[in-house]
Amino acid sequence: SSSVVDEVMGQVLGHSLVAMDEPQHRAYRALVAPAFRPKLLAQWEEVLVRRVVDELVDSFAPAGRADLVRQLTFAFPVRVIARILGLPESDVQQFQRWSIELISAVVNWDRGLAASDALRAYFAVQVTDRRAHPRDDLISELVATVVDGERLGDEEIFAFLLLLLPAGVETTYRSLGNLLLALLTHPDQLEALRSHPDLLQGAIEEGLRWEPPLLLIARRCVRDTRLGGVDVDAGQMLNVFVAAANRDERRFPDPDRFDITRPPVPHLAFGSGVHTCLGMHLARMESRVAITALLERLDDLRLDPEAPTPRIVGTILRSPDALPVRFAA
């Protein structure tokens, strides 16, 4: 059962998709899934995602050096989400601040809860506005979607929008940072990717396998069972280690090696089964657009030899906290 997620984060995120079991999960997912249909993703890529990347690269490209976490990966997905939601440009900085505070609830619960309340109040205004004046944005899509005669209620919309922040911002910025660090610490593979752009999709999948942004997900056992030779009683909580599964030598030969030419074998960075990540195609597209822009615009991209060697850190969520690089200005 996924209901344990509500016990941990329900006060902050509301009753969200990731905390639902069947049949509620299937019904709710059917209502929100149209918001991520391929036609919309293609539209966002063309008119929105690349534009956000270019704006960020423009801000540091003349300097010949940058911290790609602080100046690119951290800001990139939250700006994309803000524009997908159709939020006013003047609100983006405040939205980013609330997003950071919401995501950090595990460290500072009161601050996270206050950010959740502030975002609910903010989204209430946005939802009311879209019902009266629909636009070409995700909030309008959520408000207008009808499946089998059912529409999303306000609380359901708020829960989905709040979930976008840890699910669509936190994991995306971390996975992009992990991939960039992997490529920068394997310069031969970075050069191969620059020479052969057709390797990019494989590079993205290998980055997700090698260092997924989220190491584990929580579940509660619903009946007595035996797993890996260990008895698990009904009601016990389990942590399912996605990162360990992605390094399983029975599935991935030489699993600790980062290799963008690795034959494609499905990994578990986006989960599996009914809870497979709804936003995985958006996340992959954002990574593809960002890496493409960096390779096109920054010649001789490399780690800054004068800065400390970056590394991936974290015990549940993982990514580099800095990526100092140099390039030809």
Protein backbone atom coordinates (compact mmCIF):
# COMPACT_ATOMS: atom_id res chain seq x y z
CA SER A 1 0.00 0.00 0.00
CA SER A 2 1.11 3.56 -0.79
CA SER A 3 -1.04 5.08 1.96
CA VAL A 4 2.03 5.39 4.20
CA VAL A 5 2.99 8.46 2.12
CA ASP A 6 -0.05 10.25 3.56
CA GLU A 7 1.16 9.45 7.08
CA VAL A 8 4.53 11.05 6.33
CA MET A 9 3.67 13.99 4.06
CA GLY A 10 -0.13 14.24 3.91
CA GLN A 11 -0.33 17.44 5.96
CA VAL A 12 2.02 19.17 3.55
CA LEU A 13 1.04 17.68 0.19
CA GLY A 14 -2.61 16.78 0.78
CA HIS A 15 -4.06 13.45 -0.34
CA SER A 16 -1.97 13.14 -3.50
CA LEU A 17 -1.70 10.61 -6.30
CA VAL A 18 1.43 8.98 -4.87
CA ALA A 19 -0.42 8.12 -1.64
CA MET A 20 -3.42 6.44 -3.27
CA ASP A 21 -4.17 2.74 -3.75
CA GLU A 22 -6.51 1.12 -6.26
CA PRO A 23 -9.22 1.76 -7.28
CA GLN A 24 -8.96 5.41 -6.17
CA HIS A 25 -5.52 5.75 -7.72
CA ARG A 26 -6.68 4.59 -11.16
CA ALA A 27 -9.67 6.95 -11.20
CA TYR A 28 -7.65 9.98 -10.08
CA ARG A 29 -4.76 9.23 -12.43
CA ALA A 30 -7.20 9.08 -15.35
CA LEU A 31 -8.32 12.61 -14.48
CA VAL A 32 -4.83 14.15 -14.36
CA ALA A 33 -3.09 12.08 -17.08
CA PRO A 34 -4.49 14.18 -19.99
CA ALA A 35 -2.45 17.11 -18.68
CA PHE A 36 0.71 15.25 -19.77
CA ARG A 37 -0.40 14.06 -23.20
CA PRO A 38 2.28 13.99 -25.96
CA LYS A 39 0.81 16.93 -27.88
CA LEU A 40 1.17 19.21 -24.86
CA LEU A 41 4.70 17.99 -24.13
CA ALA A 42 5.75 18.75 -27.71
CA GLN A 43 4.22 22.22 -27.42
CA TRP A 44 6.01 22.91 -24.12
CA GLU A 45 9.34 21.77 -25.54
CA GLU A 46 9.11 24.05 -28.55
CA VAL A 47 7.87 27.28 -26.99
CA LEU A 48 8.82 27.01 -23.34
CA VAL A 49 11.48 24.56 -22.13
CA ARG A 50 14.29 25.51 -24.53
CA ARG A 51 13.54 29.17 -23.93
CA VAL A 52 14.00 28.75 -20.17
CA VAL A 53 17.31 26.92 -20.68
CA ASP A 54 18.60 29.59 -23.06
CA GLU A 55 17.67 32.38 -20.64
CA LEU A 56 19.65 30.68 -17.88
CA VAL A 57 22.66 29.95 -20.10
CA ASP A 58 22.59 33.56 -21.34
CA SER A 59 23.07 34.70 -17.73
CA PHE A 60 26.46 32.97 -17.34
CA ALA A 61 27.78 32.12 -20.83
CA PRO A 62 29.91 35.31 -21.24
CA ALA A 63 31.84 34.57 -18.03
CA GLY A 64 33.49 31.36 -19.23
CA ARG A 65 32.78 29.69 -15.91
CA ALA A 66 29.72 28.78 -13.84
CA ASP A 67 28.31 26.62 -11.07
CA LEU A 68 25.80 24.58 -13.06
CA VAL A 69 23.80 23.68 -9.94
CA ARG A 70 23.32 27.22 -8.68
CA GLN A 71 23.03 28.84 -12.11
CA LEU A 72 21.20 26.18 -14.12
CA THR A 73 19.86 22.92 -12.69
CA PHE A 74 18.34 24.37 -9.50
CA ALA A 75 16.37 27.13 -11.23
CA PHE A 76 15.51 25.31 -14.47
CA PRO A 77 12.65 22.94 -13.53
CA VAL A 78 10.84 25.36 -11.19
CA ARG A 79 10.80 27.98 -13.94
CA VAL A 80 9.49 25.39 -16.38
CA ILE A 81 6.73 24.33 -13.98
CA ALA A 82 5.81 27.98 -13.29
CA ARG A 83 5.41 28.66 -17.00
CA ILE A 84 3.55 25.40 -17.63
CA LEU A 85 1.12 26.44 -14.89
CA GLY A 86 0.76 29.85 -16.54
CA LEU A 87 1.90 31.81 -13.49
CA PRO A 88 2.73 35.52 -13.94
CA GLU A 89 6.44 36.19 -14.41
CA SER A 90 6.32 38.57 -11.45
CA ASP A 91 5.30 35.66 -9.19
CA VAL A 92 8.05 33.21 -10.19
CA GLN A 93 10.59 34.19 -7.51
CA GLN A 94 8.01 33.90 -4.73
CA PHE A 95 6.77 30.62 -6.22
CA GLN A 96 10.33 29.29 -6.23
CA ARG A 97 10.81 30.32 -2.59
CA TRP A 98 7.61 28.56 -1.53
CA SER A 99 8.62 25.51 -3.55
CA ILE A 100 11.99 25.27 -1.79
CA GLU A 101 10.35 25.66 1.63
CA LEU A 102 7.69 23.04 0.82
CA ILE A 103 10.28 20.52 -0.36
CA SER A 104 12.41 21.12 2.75
CA ALA A 105 9.54 20.09 5.07
CA VAL A 106 11.47 16.96 6.12
CA VAL A 107 14.13 19.27 7.58
CA ASN A 108 11.89 22.11 8.85
CA TRP A 109 8.32 20.85 9.22
CA ASP A 110 6.76 24.16 10.33
CA ARG A 111 8.30 26.06 7.43
CA GLY A 112 7.14 23.39 4.98
CA LEU A 113 3.61 23.47 6.38
CA ALA A 114 3.50 27.28 6.15
CA ALA A 115 4.66 27.09 2.52
CA SER A 116 1.95 24.49 1.81
CA ASP A 117 -0.72 26.82 3.23
CA ALA A 118 0.63 29.76 1.24
CA LEU A 119 0.68 27.75 -1.98
CA ARG A 120 -2.88 26.49 -1.42
CA ALA A 121 -4.10 30.06 -1.01
CA TYR A 122 -2.16 31.12 -4.10
CA PHE A 123 -3.44 28.21 -6.19
CA ALA A 124 -7.03 28.90 -5.06
CA VAL A 125 -6.82 32.31 -6.72
CA GLN A 126 -5.30 30.80 -9.88
CA VAL A 127 -7.93 28.03 -10.11
CA THR A 128 -10.80 30.48 -9.66
CA ASP A 129 -9.33 32.69 -12.37
CA ARG A 130 -8.96 29.76 -14.84
CA ARG A 131 -12.55 28.66 -14.31
CA ALA A 132 -13.66 32.14 -15.32
CA HIS A 133 -10.96 32.80 -17.91
CA PRO A 134 -9.40 29.56 -19.30
CA ARG A 135 -5.94 29.87 -20.84
CA ASP A 136 -3.43 27.67 -22.59
CA ASP A 137 -1.80 26.33 -19.43
CA LEU A 138 -1.79 23.31 -17.12
CA ILE A 139 -4.11 24.76 -14.47
CA SER A 140 -6.73 25.38 -17.16
CA GLU A 141 -6.27 21.79 -18.35
CA LEU A 142 -6.83 20.44 -14.84
CA VAL A 143 -9.90 22.61 -14.31
CA ALA A 144 -11.47 21.58 -17.63
CA THR A 145 -10.66 17.85 -17.70
CA VAL A 146 -13.67 15.53 -17.61
CA VAL A 147 -13.34 11.72 -17.47
CA ASP A 148 -16.51 9.60 -17.30
CA GLY A 149 -18.47 12.70 -16.33
CA GLU A 150 -16.17 13.49 -13.38
CA ARG A 151 -14.15 16.66 -12.82
CA LEU A 152 -11.38 17.36 -10.33
CA GLY A 153 -12.43 19.19 -7.17
CA ASP A 154 -10.41 22.08 -5.76
CA GLU A 155 -8.68 19.96 -3.10
CA GLU A 156 -7.72 17.37 -5.71
CA ILE A 157 -6.28 20.09 -7.94
CA PHE A 158 -4.37 21.63 -5.02
CA ALA A 159 -2.92 18.22 -4.06
CA PHE A 160 -1.78 17.59 -7.64
CA LEU A 161 -0.21 21.05 -7.98
CA LEU A 162 1.60 20.67 -4.64
CA LEU A 163 2.88 17.24 -5.72
CA LEU A 164 4.39 18.82 -8.86
CA LEU A 165 6.95 20.60 -6.70
CA PRO A 166 8.76 17.64 -5.11
CA ALA A 167 7.93 15.34 -8.04
CA GLY A 168 8.49 17.76 -10.93
CA VAL A 169 11.06 20.17 -9.53
CA GLU A 170 13.18 18.42 -6.90
CA THR A 171 13.78 15.14 -8.75
CA THR A 172 14.34 16.83 -12.12
CA TYR A 173 16.98 19.26 -10.88
CA ARG A 174 18.74 16.45 -9.07
CA SER A 175 18.66 13.95 -11.95
CA LEU A 176 19.97 16.58 -14.37
CA GLY A 177 22.78 17.44 -11.94
CA ASN A 178 23.66 13.76 -11.55
CA LEU A 179 23.83 13.28 -15.31
CA LEU A 180 25.99 16.37 -15.78
CA LEU A 181 28.40 15.24 -13.07
CA ALA A 182 28.60 11.77 -14.62
CA LEU A 183 29.43 13.22 -18.03
CA LEU A 184 31.92 15.76 -16.68
CA THR A 185 33.77 13.09 -14.69
CA HIS A 186 33.81 10.83 -17.77
CA PRO A 187 35.10 13.34 -20.36
CA ASP A 188 35.56 10.65 -23.00
CA GLN A 189 31.84 9.93 -22.85
CA LEU A 190 31.00 13.65 -22.87
CA GLU A 191 33.07 14.01 -26.04
CA ALA A 192 31.43 10.94 -27.58
CA LEU A 193 28.04 12.52 -26.87
CA ARG A 194 29.13 15.80 -28.43
CA SER A 195 30.26 13.93 -31.56
CA HIS A 196 27.26 11.59 -31.66
CA PRO A 197 24.09 13.32 -30.43
CA ASP A 198 22.13 10.14 -31.08
CA LEU A 199 23.69 8.81 -27.85
CA LEU A 200 21.79 11.36 -25.77
CA GLN A 201 18.73 9.26 -24.96
CA GLY A 202 20.95 6.41 -23.80
CA ALA A 203 22.97 8.87 -21.72
CA ILE A 204 19.82 10.14 -19.99
CA GLU A 205 18.66 6.61 -19.16
CA GLU A 206 22.12 5.61 -17.92
CA GLY A 207 22.26 8.69 -15.70
CA LEU A 208 18.89 7.80 -14.19
CA ARG A 209 20.01 4.22 -13.61
CA TRP A 210 23.48 5.04 -12.30
CA GLU A 211 22.41 7.77 -9.86
CA PRO A 212 18.62 8.13 -9.52
CA PRO A 213 17.61 11.33 -7.71
CA LEU A 214 15.39 9.44 -5.25
CA LEU A 215 16.94 6.41 -3.58
CA LEU A 216 13.88 4.83 -1.99
CA ILE A 217 10.11 4.90 -1.73
CA ALA A 218 7.99 3.89 1.25
CA ARG A 219 5.26 1.23 1.21
CA ARG A 220 3.21 -0.55 3.87
CA CYS A 221 2.80 -4.31 3.70
CA VAL A 222 -0.91 -5.25 3.52
CA ARG A 223 -0.57 -8.95 4.31
CA ASP A 224 1.93 -11.33 5.87
CA THR A 225 4.55 -12.27 3.32
CA ARG A 226 8.14 -13.37 2.86
CA LEU A 227 10.54 -11.23 0.87
CA GLY A 228 14.14 -12.18 0.13
CA GLY A 229 14.04 -14.81 2.84
CA VAL A 230 12.73 -12.35 5.46
CA ASP A 231 9.27 -12.56 7.04
CA VAL A 232 7.32 -9.31 6.73
CA ASP A 233 4.17 -8.89 8.80
CA ALA A 234 1.05 -7.11 7.63
CA GLY A 235 1.19 -3.47 8.67
CA GLN A 236 4.97 -3.16 8.58
CA MET A 237 6.50 -0.31 6.62
CA LEU A 238 9.03 -1.12 3.91
CA ASN A 239 11.54 1.06 2.15
CA VAL A 240 11.91 -0.07 -1.45
CA PHE A 241 15.44 0.81 -2.56
CA VAL A 242 15.23 1.93 -6.18
CA ALA A 243 18.94 2.76 -6.26
CA ALA A 244 19.93 -0.78 -5.21
CA ALA A 245 17.67 -2.29 -7.85
CA ASN A 246 19.32 -0.07 -10.47
CA ARG A 247 22.73 -1.50 -9.49
CA ASP A 248 21.60 -5.16 -9.54
CA GLU A 249 24.44 -7.05 -11.23
CA ARG A 250 22.00 -9.75 -12.38
CA ARG A 251 20.31 -7.15 -14.57
CA PHE A 252 23.09 -4.64 -15.29
CA PRO A 253 26.57 -6.09 -15.96
CA ASP A 254 29.32 -4.11 -14.19
CA PRO A 255 26.58 -1.98 -12.57
CA ASP A 256 28.85 0.58 -10.89
CA ARG A 257 30.24 1.70 -14.25
CA PHE A 258 28.67 4.72 -15.96
CA ASP A 259 28.36 3.89 -19.66
CA ILE A 260 26.15 5.82 -22.08
CA THR A 261 26.50 3.02 -24.65
CA ARG A 262 25.06 0.40 -22.26
CA PRO A 263 22.40 -1.74 -24.03
CA PRO A 264 18.94 -0.48 -23.02
CA VAL A 265 17.45 -2.39 -20.10
CA PRO A 266 14.52 -0.82 -18.17
CA HIS A 267 15.50 0.70 -14.81
CA LEU A 268 13.36 1.71 -11.84
CA ALA A 269 14.20 5.41 -11.47
CA PHE A 270 10.60 6.27 -12.41
CA GLY A 271 9.07 3.40 -10.45
CA SER A 272 7.09 0.54 -11.93
CA GLY A 273 3.53 -0.68 -12.36
CA VAL A 274 0.51 1.48 -11.60
CA HIS A 275 2.65 4.08 -9.83
CA THR A 276 5.06 4.63 -12.73
CA CYS A 277 5.87 8.35 -12.66
CA LEU A 278 3.27 10.33 -14.60
CA GLY A 279 5.79 13.08 -15.38
CA MET A 280 8.61 10.86 -16.62
CA HIS A 281 8.27 11.99 -20.25
CA LEU A 282 8.45 15.64 -19.18
CA ALA A 283 11.53 14.92 -17.05
CA ARG A 284 13.28 13.12 -19.90
CA MET A 285 12.42 15.93 -22.30
CA GLU A 286 13.76 18.60 -19.91
CA SER A 287 17.05 16.71 -19.55
CA ARG A 288 17.34 16.25 -23.32
CA VAL A 289 16.71 19.93 -24.02
CA ALA A 290 19.11 21.09 -21.29
CA ILE A 291 22.00 18.82 -22.33
CA THR A 292 21.49 19.68 -26.00
CA ALA A 293 21.60 23.41 -25.24
CA LEU A 294 24.78 23.08 -23.15
CA LEU A 295 26.58 21.07 -25.83
CA GLU A 296 25.51 23.49 -28.54
CA ARG A 297 26.38 26.65 -26.66
CA LEU A 298 29.36 25.87 -24.40
CA ASP A 299 32.51 24.72 -26.18
CA ASP A 300 35.20 22.91 -24.20
CA LEU A 301 32.85 22.31 -21.25
CA ARG A 302 34.83 20.78 -18.38
CA LEU A 303 35.10 20.71 -14.60
CA ASP A 304 36.83 23.75 -13.12
CA PRO A 305 40.35 22.49 -12.22
CA GLU A 306 40.70 25.18 -9.52
CA ALA A 307 37.52 24.21 -7.66
CA PRO A 308 36.94 21.26 -5.30
CA THR A 309 35.95 18.10 -7.14
CA PRO A 310 32.14 17.87 -6.99
CA ARG A 311 30.45 14.75 -5.72
CA ILE A 312 26.94 13.40 -5.39
CA VAL A 313 25.63 13.55 -1.81
CA GLY A 314 22.45 12.63 0.06
CA THR A 315 20.84 9.62 1.75
CA ILE A 316 17.28 9.77 0.33
CA LEU A 317 17.48 12.48 -2.32
CA ARG A 318 20.87 12.63 -4.06
CA SER A 319 22.65 15.09 -6.32
CA PRO A 320 25.76 17.29 -6.39
CA ASP A 321 25.47 20.47 -4.33
CA ALA A 322 27.83 22.27 -6.74
CA LEU A 323 29.08 21.74 -10.30
CA PRO A 324 31.84 24.29 -10.99
CA VAL A 325 32.74 24.27 -14.69
CA ARG A 326 34.72 26.21 -17.24
CA PHE A 327 34.14 26.60 -20.96
CA ALA A 328 35.14 28.77 -23.88
CA ALA A 329 33.52 32.17 -23.41
